[in-house]
Structures are given as structure tokens and as C-alpha cells.
C-alpha atoms as a PDB file:
ATOM      1  CA  MET A   1      -9.353   2.129   3.956  1.00  0.00           C
ATOM      2  CA  ILE A   2      -6.044  -0.311   3.808  1.00  0.00           C
ATOM      3  CA  THR A   3      -5.485  -2.120   0.256  1.00  0.00           C
ATOM      4  CA  GLY A   4      -3.532  -5.343   1.097  1.00  0.00           C
ATOM      5  CA  GLY A   5      -5.191  -5.399   4.363  1.00  0.00           C
ATOM      6  CA  SER A   6      -5.223  -9.180   5.352  1.00  0.00           C
ATOM      7  CA  GLN A   7      -1.476 -10.239   5.710  1.00  0.00           C
ATOM      8  CA  GLY A   8       1.815  -8.928   5.665  1.00  0.00           C
ATOM      9  CA  ILE A   9       2.787  -4.964   5.596  1.00  0.00           C
ATOM     10  CA  GLY A  10      -0.945  -4.071   5.097  1.00  0.00           C
ATOM     11  CA  LEU A  11      -1.816  -6.317   7.981  1.00  0.00           C
ATOM     12  CA  ALA A  12       0.781  -4.785  10.052  1.00  0.00           C
ATOM     13  CA  ILE A  13      -0.558  -1.431   9.651  1.00  0.00           C
ATOM     14  CA  ALA A  14      -3.796  -2.281   9.942  1.00  0.00           C
ATOM     15  CA  GLN A  15      -2.764  -3.797  13.648  1.00  0.00           C
ATOM     16  CA  GLU A  16      -1.450  -0.330  14.405  1.00  0.00           C
ATOM     17  CA  LEU A  17      -3.450   1.944  13.526  1.00  0.00           C
ATOM     18  CA  HIS A  18      -6.530   0.302  15.354  1.00  0.00           C
ATOM     19  CA  ALA A  19      -4.314   0.061  18.319  1.00  0.00           C
ATOM     20  CA  ALA A  20      -4.364   4.301  17.816  1.00  0.00           C
ATOM     21  CA  GLY A  21      -7.961   4.111  17.560  1.00  0.00           C
ATOM     22  CA  HIS A  22      -8.644   4.301  14.023  1.00  0.00           C
ATOM     23  CA  GLU A  23     -11.415   2.661  12.124  1.00  0.00           C
ATOM     24  CA  LEU A  24     -10.608   0.179   9.654  1.00  0.00           C
ATOM     25  CA  PHE A  25     -11.758  -1.119   6.068  1.00  0.00           C
ATOM     26  CA  LEU A  26      -9.678  -3.672   5.000  1.00  0.00           C
ATOM     27  CA  VAL A  27      -9.403  -4.533   1.385  1.00  0.00           C
ATOM     28  CA  ALA A  28      -7.757  -8.136  -0.085  1.00  0.00           C
ATOM     29  CA  ARG A  29      -7.938 -10.588  -2.836  1.00  0.00           C
ATOM     30  CA  ASN A  30      -8.035 -13.709  -0.514  1.00  0.00           C
ATOM     31  CA  PRO A  31     -11.875 -13.895   1.197  1.00  0.00           C
ATOM     32  CA  ASP A  32     -10.976 -16.164   3.823  1.00  0.00           C
ATOM     33  CA  ARG A  33      -7.714 -14.528   4.612  1.00  0.00           C
ATOM     34  CA  LEU A  34      -9.967 -11.031   5.024  1.00  0.00           C
ATOM     35  CA  LYS A  35     -12.127 -12.572   7.076  1.00  0.00           C
ATOM     36  CA  ARG A  36      -9.702 -13.624   9.712  1.00  0.00           C
ATOM     37  CA  ALA A  37      -8.143 -10.320   9.593  1.00  0.00           C
ATOM     38  CA  VAL A  38     -11.205  -8.226   9.969  1.00  0.00           C
ATOM     39  CA  ASP A  39     -12.347 -10.620  12.803  1.00  0.00           C
ATOM     40  CA  SER A  40      -9.480  -9.699  14.773  1.00  0.00           C
ATOM     41  CA  PHE A  41     -10.210  -6.421  15.408  1.00  0.00           C
ATOM     42  CA  HIS A  42     -13.456  -7.150  17.151  1.00  0.00           C
ATOM     43  CA  GLY A  43     -15.732  -4.988  15.583  1.00  0.00           C
ATOM     44  CA  ARG A  44     -13.925  -2.031  14.625  1.00  0.00           C
ATOM     45  CA  ALA A  45     -12.964  -3.380  10.929  1.00  0.00           C
ATOM     46  CA  GLN A  46     -14.900  -4.178   8.069  1.00  0.00           C
ATOM     47  CA  GLY A  47     -13.592  -5.458   4.855  1.00  0.00           C
ATOM     48  CA  PHE A  48     -14.242  -6.331   0.855  1.00  0.00           C
ATOM     49  CA  ALA A  49     -12.867  -9.241  -0.781  1.00  0.00           C
ATOM     50  CA  CYS A  50     -11.321  -7.916  -4.359  1.00  0.00           C
ATOM     51  CA  ASP A  51      -8.710  -8.625  -6.625  1.00  0.00           C
ATOM     52  CA  LEU A  52      -7.292  -5.491  -7.496  1.00  0.00           C
ATOM     53  CA  SER A  53      -5.989  -6.081 -10.929  1.00  0.00           C
ATOM     54  CA  ASP A  54      -9.915  -6.146 -12.031  1.00  0.00           C
ATOM     55  CA  PRO A  55     -11.082  -2.842 -12.922  1.00  0.00           C
ATOM     56  CA  ALA A  56     -14.687  -4.132 -12.669  1.00  0.00           C
ATOM     57  CA  ARG A  57     -13.754  -5.447  -9.163  1.00  0.00           C
ATOM     58  CA  ILE A  58     -12.990  -1.728  -8.034  1.00  0.00           C
ATOM     59  CA  ALA A  59     -16.145  -0.600  -9.240  1.00  0.00           C
ATOM     60  CA  GLY A  60     -17.579  -3.414  -6.779  1.00  0.00           C
ATOM     61  CA  LEU A  61     -15.802  -2.357  -3.798  1.00  0.00           C
ATOM     62  CA  THR A  62     -16.467   1.637  -4.483  1.00  0.00           C
ATOM     63  CA  ALA A  63     -20.416   0.239  -3.976  1.00  0.00           C
ATOM     64  CA  ALA A  64     -19.759  -1.944  -0.966  1.00  0.00           C
ATOM     65  CA  VAL A  65     -17.814   0.829   0.907  1.00  0.00           C
ATOM     66  CA  GLY A  66     -20.878   3.077  -0.125  1.00  0.00           C
ATOM     67  CA  LYS A  67     -23.386   0.760   1.426  1.00  0.00           C
ATOM     68  CA  SER A  68     -21.438   0.292   4.607  1.00  0.00           C
ATOM     69  CA  GLY A  69     -21.570   3.702   5.597  1.00  0.00           C
ATOM     70  CA  PHE A  70     -17.917   3.886   6.102  1.00  0.00           C
ATOM     71  CA  SER A  71     -16.601   6.983   4.480  1.00  0.00           C
ATOM     72  CA  PRO A  72     -12.475   6.936   4.414  1.00  0.00           C
ATOM     73  CA  GLU A  73     -10.661   9.778   5.671  1.00  0.00           C
ATOM     74  CA  VAL A  74      -7.287   8.133   4.979  1.00  0.00           C
ATOM     75  CA  LEU A  75      -6.275   5.955   1.819  1.00  0.00           C
ATOM     76  CA  VAL A  76      -3.401   3.224   2.609  1.00  0.00           C
ATOM     77  CA  LEU A  77      -2.348   1.815  -1.011  1.00  0.00           C
ATOM     78  CA  CYS A  78      -0.473  -1.297  -0.191  1.00  0.00           C
ATOM     79  CA  ALA A  79      -1.758  -4.162  -2.372  1.00  0.00           C
ATOM     80  CA  ALA A  80       1.090  -4.992  -4.663  1.00  0.00           C
ATOM     81  CA  GLY A  81       2.018  -7.866  -7.345  1.00  0.00           C
ATOM     82  CA  PHE A  82       5.167  -9.300  -7.628  1.00  0.00           C
ATOM     83  CA  GLY A  83       7.097 -10.570 -10.442  1.00  0.00           C
ATOM     84  CA  SER A  84       9.234 -13.537 -11.815  1.00  0.00           C
ATOM     85  CA  PRO A  85      12.308 -13.854  -9.613  1.00  0.00           C
ATOM     86  CA  VAL A  86      13.960 -13.261 -12.901  1.00  0.00           C
ATOM     87  CA  ARG A  87      15.794 -10.280 -12.655  1.00  0.00           C
ATOM     88  CA  SER A  88      15.725  -9.268 -15.944  1.00  0.00           C
ATOM     89  CA  VAL A  89      13.341  -6.551 -18.215  1.00  0.00           C
ATOM     90  CA  VAL A  90      14.125  -8.338 -21.557  1.00  0.00           C
ATOM     91  CA  THR A  91      13.306 -12.068 -20.968  1.00  0.00           C
ATOM     92  CA  PRO A  92       9.768 -11.795 -18.903  1.00  0.00           C
ATOM     93  CA  PRO A  93       7.004 -11.767 -21.204  1.00  0.00           C
ATOM     94  CA  ALA A  94       4.921  -8.480 -21.840  1.00  0.00           C
ATOM     95  CA  ASP A  95       2.100  -9.791 -20.041  1.00  0.00           C
ATOM     96  CA  GLU A  96       3.429 -10.245 -16.833  1.00  0.00           C
ATOM     97  CA  LEU A  97       4.700  -6.321 -17.155  1.00  0.00           C
ATOM     98  CA  ARG A  98       1.113  -5.602 -17.821  1.00  0.00           C
ATOM     99  CA  ARG A  99      -0.182  -7.707 -15.198  1.00  0.00           C
ATOM    100  CA  LEU A 100       1.734  -5.789 -12.660  1.00  0.00           C
ATOM    101  CA  PHE A 101       1.391  -2.554 -13.776  1.00  0.00           C
ATOM    102  CA  GLU A 102      -2.775  -3.540 -13.343  1.00  0.00           C
ATOM    103  CA  THR A 103      -2.232  -3.976  -9.354  1.00  0.00           C
ATOM    104  CA  ASN A 104       0.895  -1.902  -8.879  1.00  0.00           C
ATOM    105  CA  VAL A 105      -0.255   1.771 -10.803  1.00  0.00           C
ATOM    106  CA  LEU A 106      -3.788   1.602 -12.560  1.00  0.00           C
ATOM    107  CA  ALA A 107      -5.410   0.313  -9.177  1.00  0.00           C
ATOM    108  CA  ASN A 108      -4.305   2.786  -6.887  1.00  0.00           C
ATOM    109  CA  TYR A 109      -5.020   5.212  -9.655  1.00  0.00           C
ATOM    110  CA  GLU A 110      -8.983   4.248 -10.099  1.00  0.00           C
ATOM    111  CA  LEU A 111      -9.375   4.012  -6.364  1.00  0.00           C
ATOM    112  CA  VAL A 112      -7.809   7.370  -5.731  1.00  0.00           C
ATOM    113  CA  GLN A 113     -10.456   8.645  -8.537  1.00  0.00           C
ATOM    114  CA  ALA A 114     -12.923   6.479  -6.707  1.00  0.00           C
ATOM    115  CA  PHE A 115     -12.615   7.873  -2.959  1.00  0.00           C
ATOM    116  CA  LEU A 116     -10.761  11.381  -3.660  1.00  0.00           C
ATOM    117  CA  PRO A 117     -14.426  13.080  -2.711  1.00  0.00           C
ATOM    118  CA  LYS A 118     -15.013  11.175   0.405  1.00  0.00           C
ATOM    119  CA  LEU A 119     -11.533  12.100   1.088  1.00  0.00           C
ATOM    120  CA  ARG A 120     -11.904  15.988   0.624  1.00  0.00           C
ATOM    121  CA  SER A 121     -14.572  16.296   2.846  1.00  0.00           C
ATOM    122  CA  GLY A 122     -12.993  14.832   6.009  1.00  0.00           C
ATOM    123  CA  PRO A 123     -11.111  16.810   8.083  1.00  0.00           C
ATOM    124  CA  TYR A 124      -7.519  15.070   7.761  1.00  0.00           C
ATOM    125  CA  PRO A 125      -7.423  13.834   4.011  1.00  0.00           C
ATOM    126  CA  ARG A 126      -4.351  11.780   3.124  1.00  0.00           C
ATOM    127  CA  ILE A 127      -3.190   9.439   0.551  1.00  0.00           C
ATOM    128  CA  ILE A 128      -0.252   7.240   1.577  1.00  0.00           C
ATOM    129  CA  LEU A 129       1.257   4.869  -0.821  1.00  0.00           C
ATOM    130  CA  ILE A 130       3.343   1.724  -0.003  1.00  0.00           C
ATOM    131  CA  GLY A 131       6.140   2.029  -2.904  1.00  0.00           C
ATOM    132  CA  SER A 132       9.464   0.431  -2.502  1.00  0.00           C
ATOM    133  CA  THR A 133      12.977   1.678  -2.499  1.00  0.00           C
ATOM    134  CA  ALA A 134      13.365  -0.563  -6.692  1.00  0.00           C
ATOM    135  CA  SER A 135      11.585   2.757  -7.445  1.00  0.00           C
ATOM    136  CA  ILE A 136      15.051   4.440  -6.269  1.00  0.00           C
ATOM    137  CA  ARG A 137      17.203   1.983  -7.250  1.00  0.00           C
ATOM    138  CA  PRO A 138      18.783   2.840 -11.304  1.00  0.00           C
ATOM    139  CA  ASP A 139      20.042  -0.597 -11.336  1.00  0.00           C
ATOM    140  CA  ASP A 140      17.462  -3.191 -10.181  1.00  0.00           C
ATOM    141  CA  ARG A 141      16.495  -4.583 -13.332  1.00  0.00           C
ATOM    142  CA  SER A 142      13.153  -6.110 -12.541  1.00  0.00           C
ATOM    143  CA  LEU A 143       9.450  -5.398 -14.071  1.00  0.00           C
ATOM    144  CA  TYR A 144       8.557  -4.670 -10.493  1.00  0.00           C
ATOM    145  CA  GLY A 145      11.083  -2.077 -10.096  1.00  0.00           C
ATOM    146  CA  ILE A 146       9.540  -0.231 -13.475  1.00  0.00           C
ATOM    147  CA  THR A 147       6.410  -0.341 -12.214  1.00  0.00           C
ATOM    148  CA  LYS A 148       7.514   0.839  -8.593  1.00  0.00           C
ATOM    149  CA  TRP A 149       9.107   3.872 -10.630  1.00  0.00           C
ATOM    150  CA  ALA A 150       5.795   4.624 -12.194  1.00  0.00           C
ATOM    151  CA  LEU A 151       4.153   4.743  -9.227  1.00  0.00           C
ATOM    152  CA  ARG A 152       6.570   7.136  -7.565  1.00  0.00           C
ATOM    153  CA  SER A 153       6.350   9.479 -10.312  1.00  0.00           C
ATOM    154  CA  TYR A 154       2.496   9.282 -10.299  1.00  0.00           C
ATOM    155  CA  ALA A 155       2.392  10.021  -6.439  1.00  0.00           C
ATOM    156  CA  TYR A 156       4.488  13.074  -7.068  1.00  0.00           C
ATOM    157  CA  SER A 157       2.244  14.607  -9.506  1.00  0.00           C
ATOM    158  CA  LEU A 158      -0.571  13.720  -7.078  1.00  0.00           C
ATOM    159  CA  ARG A 159       0.664  15.310  -4.544  1.00  0.00           C
ATOM    160  CA  SER A 160       1.269  18.901  -6.494  1.00  0.00           C
ATOM    161  CA  GLU A 161      -2.337  18.616  -7.675  1.00  0.00           C
ATOM    162  CA  LEU A 162      -3.638  17.830  -4.402  1.00  0.00           C
ATOM    163  CA  LYS A 163      -2.261  20.354  -2.010  1.00  0.00           C
ATOM    164  CA  GLU A 164      -4.360  22.994  -2.929  1.00  0.00           C
ATOM    165  CA  GLN A 165      -7.214  21.054  -1.976  1.00  0.00           C
ATOM    166  CA  GLY A 166      -5.738  20.197   1.399  1.00  0.00           C
ATOM    167  CA  VAL A 167      -4.938  16.410   0.637  1.00  0.00           C
ATOM    168  CA  GLY A 168      -1.793  15.304   1.948  1.00  0.00           C
ATOM    169  CA  VAL A 169      -0.088  12.493  -0.148  1.00  0.00           C
ATOM    170  CA  THR A 170       3.223  10.183   0.815  1.00  0.00           C
ATOM    171  CA  LEU A 171       5.324   8.054  -0.584  1.00  0.00           C
ATOM    172  CA  LEU A 172       6.242   5.454   1.612  1.00  0.00           C
ATOM    173  CA  ASN A 173       9.498   2.941   0.215  1.00  0.00           C
ATOM    174  CA  PRO A 174      10.722   0.081   2.328  1.00  0.00           C
ATOM    175  CA  GLY A 175      12.985  -1.961   1.396  1.00  0.00           C
ATOM    176  CA  GLY A 176      13.397  -6.125   2.046  1.00  0.00           C
ATOM    177  CA  THR A 177      10.624  -6.356   4.783  1.00  0.00           C
ATOM    178  CA  PHE A 178       9.814  -9.462   6.523  1.00  0.00           C
ATOM    179  CA  THR A 179       6.136 -10.641   5.896  1.00  0.00           C
ATOM    180  CA  GLN A 180       3.815 -13.980   5.748  1.00  0.00           C
ATOM    181  CA  LYS A 181       5.517 -15.376   2.567  1.00  0.00           C
ATOM    182  CA  ARG A 182       9.261 -13.954   3.547  1.00  0.00           C
ATOM    183  CA  VAL A 183      10.420 -15.029   6.961  1.00  0.00           C
ATOM    184  CA  PRO A 184      13.785 -15.782   8.236  1.00  0.00           C
ATOM    185  CA  ASP A 185      15.526 -19.252   7.143  1.00  0.00           C
ATOM    186  CA  GLU A 186      18.855 -20.707   6.136  1.00  0.00           C
ATOM    187  CA  HIS A 187      19.851 -17.969   3.734  1.00  0.00           C
ATOM    188  CA  THR A 188      18.118 -14.612   5.790  1.00  0.00           C
ATOM    189  CA  ALA A 189      19.270 -13.769   9.250  1.00  0.00           C
ATOM    190  CA  PRO A 190      16.378 -12.484  11.334  1.00  0.00           C
ATOM    191  CA  ASP A 191      17.896  -9.212  11.437  1.00  0.00           C
ATOM    192  CA  ARG A 192      18.487  -9.091   7.693  1.00  0.00           C
ATOM    193  CA  LEU A 193      15.242  -7.225   6.455  1.00  0.00           C
ATOM    194  CA  LEU A 194      12.814  -4.501   7.973  1.00  0.00           C
ATOM    195  CA  GLU A 195      10.163  -5.750  10.398  1.00  0.00           C
ATOM    196  CA  SER A 196       6.310  -5.224   8.653  1.00  0.00           C
ATOM    197  CA  SER A 197       5.975  -3.200  12.084  1.00  0.00           C
ATOM    198  CA  ASP A 198       8.721  -0.996  11.162  1.00  0.00           C
ATOM    199  CA  ILE A 199       6.226   0.486   8.014  1.00  0.00           C
ATOM    200  CA  ALA A 200       3.532   0.577  10.246  1.00  0.00           C
ATOM    201  CA  LYS A 201       4.694   2.437  12.991  1.00  0.00           C
ATOM    202  CA  LEU A 202       5.933   5.329  10.400  1.00  0.00           C
ATOM    203  CA  VAL A 203       2.408   5.070   8.782  1.00  0.00           C
ATOM    204  CA  SER A 204       0.968   5.971  12.406  1.00  0.00           C
ATOM    205  CA  ALA A 205       2.958   8.688  12.931  1.00  0.00           C
ATOM    206  CA  LEU A 206       2.426  10.422   9.674  1.00  0.00           C
ATOM    207  CA  LEU A 207      -1.228  10.754  10.755  1.00  0.00           C
ATOM    208  CA  ALA A 208      -0.170  11.891  13.639  1.00  0.00           C
ATOM    209  CA  LEU A 209       1.054  14.816  12.538  1.00  0.00           C
ATOM    210  CA  SER A 210      -0.237  18.719  12.604  1.00  0.00           C
ATOM    211  CA  PRO A 211      -3.054  19.051   9.498  1.00  0.00           C
ATOM    212  CA  GLN A 212      -0.510  21.476   8.032  1.00  0.00           C
ATOM    213  CA  ALA A 213       2.762  18.601   7.782  1.00  0.00           C
ATOM    214  CA  VAL A 214       2.895  16.467   4.791  1.00  0.00           C
ATOM    215  CA  VAL A 215       5.609  14.017   4.613  1.00  0.00           C
ATOM    216  CA  GLU A 216       5.875  13.860   0.984  1.00  0.00           C
ATOM    217  CA  GLU A 217       8.568  10.671   0.506  1.00  0.00           C
ATOM    218  CA  LEU A 218      10.091   8.302   2.983  1.00  0.00           C
ATOM    219  CA  ASP A 219      12.591   5.652   2.581  1.00  0.00           C
ATOM    220  CA  VAL A 220      13.432   2.658   5.091  1.00  0.00           C
ATOM    221  CA  ARG A 221      15.946   0.319   4.341  1.00  0.00           C
ATOM    222  CA  PRO A 222      17.633  -2.473   6.457  1.00  0.00           C
ATOM    223  CA  MET A 223      20.415  -1.707   8.226  1.00  0.00           C
ATOM    224  CA  LEU A 224      22.858  -3.515   6.158  1.00  0.00           C
ATOM    225  CA  GLY A 225      21.136  -2.471   2.777  1.00  0.00           C
ATOM    226  CA  ASP A 226      18.472  -3.988   0.559  1.00  0.00           C
ATOM    227  CA  THR A 227      19.228  -7.230  -0.762  1.00  0.00           C
ATOM    228  CA  TYR A 228      18.332  -8.680  -4.569  1.00  0.00           C
END
């Protein structure tokens, strides 16, 4: 199961895992974009349109997955909310921080709670959280960074709690990455940011390790470093 699976990093991960033979269940906010993504996998993917910032919709997702007969062995939690471009943790309204927490932290918490029983029953249970290098920059100065720091703390705690149950947890922190919304232009050279496929290849490699091997945290940045 891949959240945020209809575009950007999430879709790139889906494409890489499809090529490796995985069956997919994609979750995304936009129904039309989700349908196009699901259809592109020619019967090897299912999907459910869901705004993960709404707890009631997560309950609907859980029911839809159960009805579909799909039983996820791996969660790739990639959906993310992005705040305003204002680089401040003082001036943006509190509602913006609350909204980002709902998508970037609370939704992932609820999804793990909902699907952990199914993961435990699988032969290779893994949870991969797509974080950000914003969570390891002490001078990030953004509401987005605050939520990714919180996600990082959650990932570490989750790893500690689930290791005795045989469930591997990995936090993957990408730096700036080209997506459908962020493309090369007059301000950003084609080699200045990561490709979405870079992240996808790393996720596929994580799932090719032996069952006893877990990468706990992985940081990947553009060659020239992060941009602000």
C-alpha cells in the first residue's frame, strides 16, 4: 500500500515496485489522478481516493481495503502536506500547523494502527515512512519541518516497539526532489534536485534485503546539497 501514490515520489515508487512484481494498492486525494495511476498498471493495482487529513476517511479506507481482498504486507507512507512558502515558525496561523500535523503525522499514526494486524501476518512486514531532510536540519524554520521532525521521532519509537514483532521500520529522508509540481525551470537546473525515481529505487532495494536486515534511517540529498 502506497499513500500519495498518484503522483510525484509516491507514483515513482509504485512504478518501481510494479516493475519488481509487487501488487499495489494506491491511496491519493484526487480521484481522477488516482484512476489514471491505477489504470496505468494494467490490472496489477487497486486504489482508493482518500483525504488522509480526515480521520473519518481513514476508516473508509480501511473498510475499502478489506472489501477489496487486498492484504498489505508493506506500508509505504508517502503522502505529505506542504505549508506556505513563508520561512517562519512565528507568523503562519496555528491552523496551518494543525493541518500539516494531521497529514504528515497523525494520518500515518492512524494508518499504522489500522493495518498493523495485517502486516504482522505477512512474511515480510515492513513500514517505510517518507520523511525529509527538513527533519535533520536544525535551522529549517518551517512548519513543514516541525511536522517532519515529529514524524522522525515517531519512526524511531515505532522501530523500537515493533522490532520484537518482526516488523521492520525505515525512515527515508529525501532532500529536494523533482516532481510534477516541482520541475526544472529558469531557477532550477535539471541536475539540481533528486529525481523521484531515485527515491523509488531506494525503496525497492529496501524490500529486497533479507528478512533480518532493516535500514533504520536513510538520508539522500542532491549532490550540491539542499535548497531553500
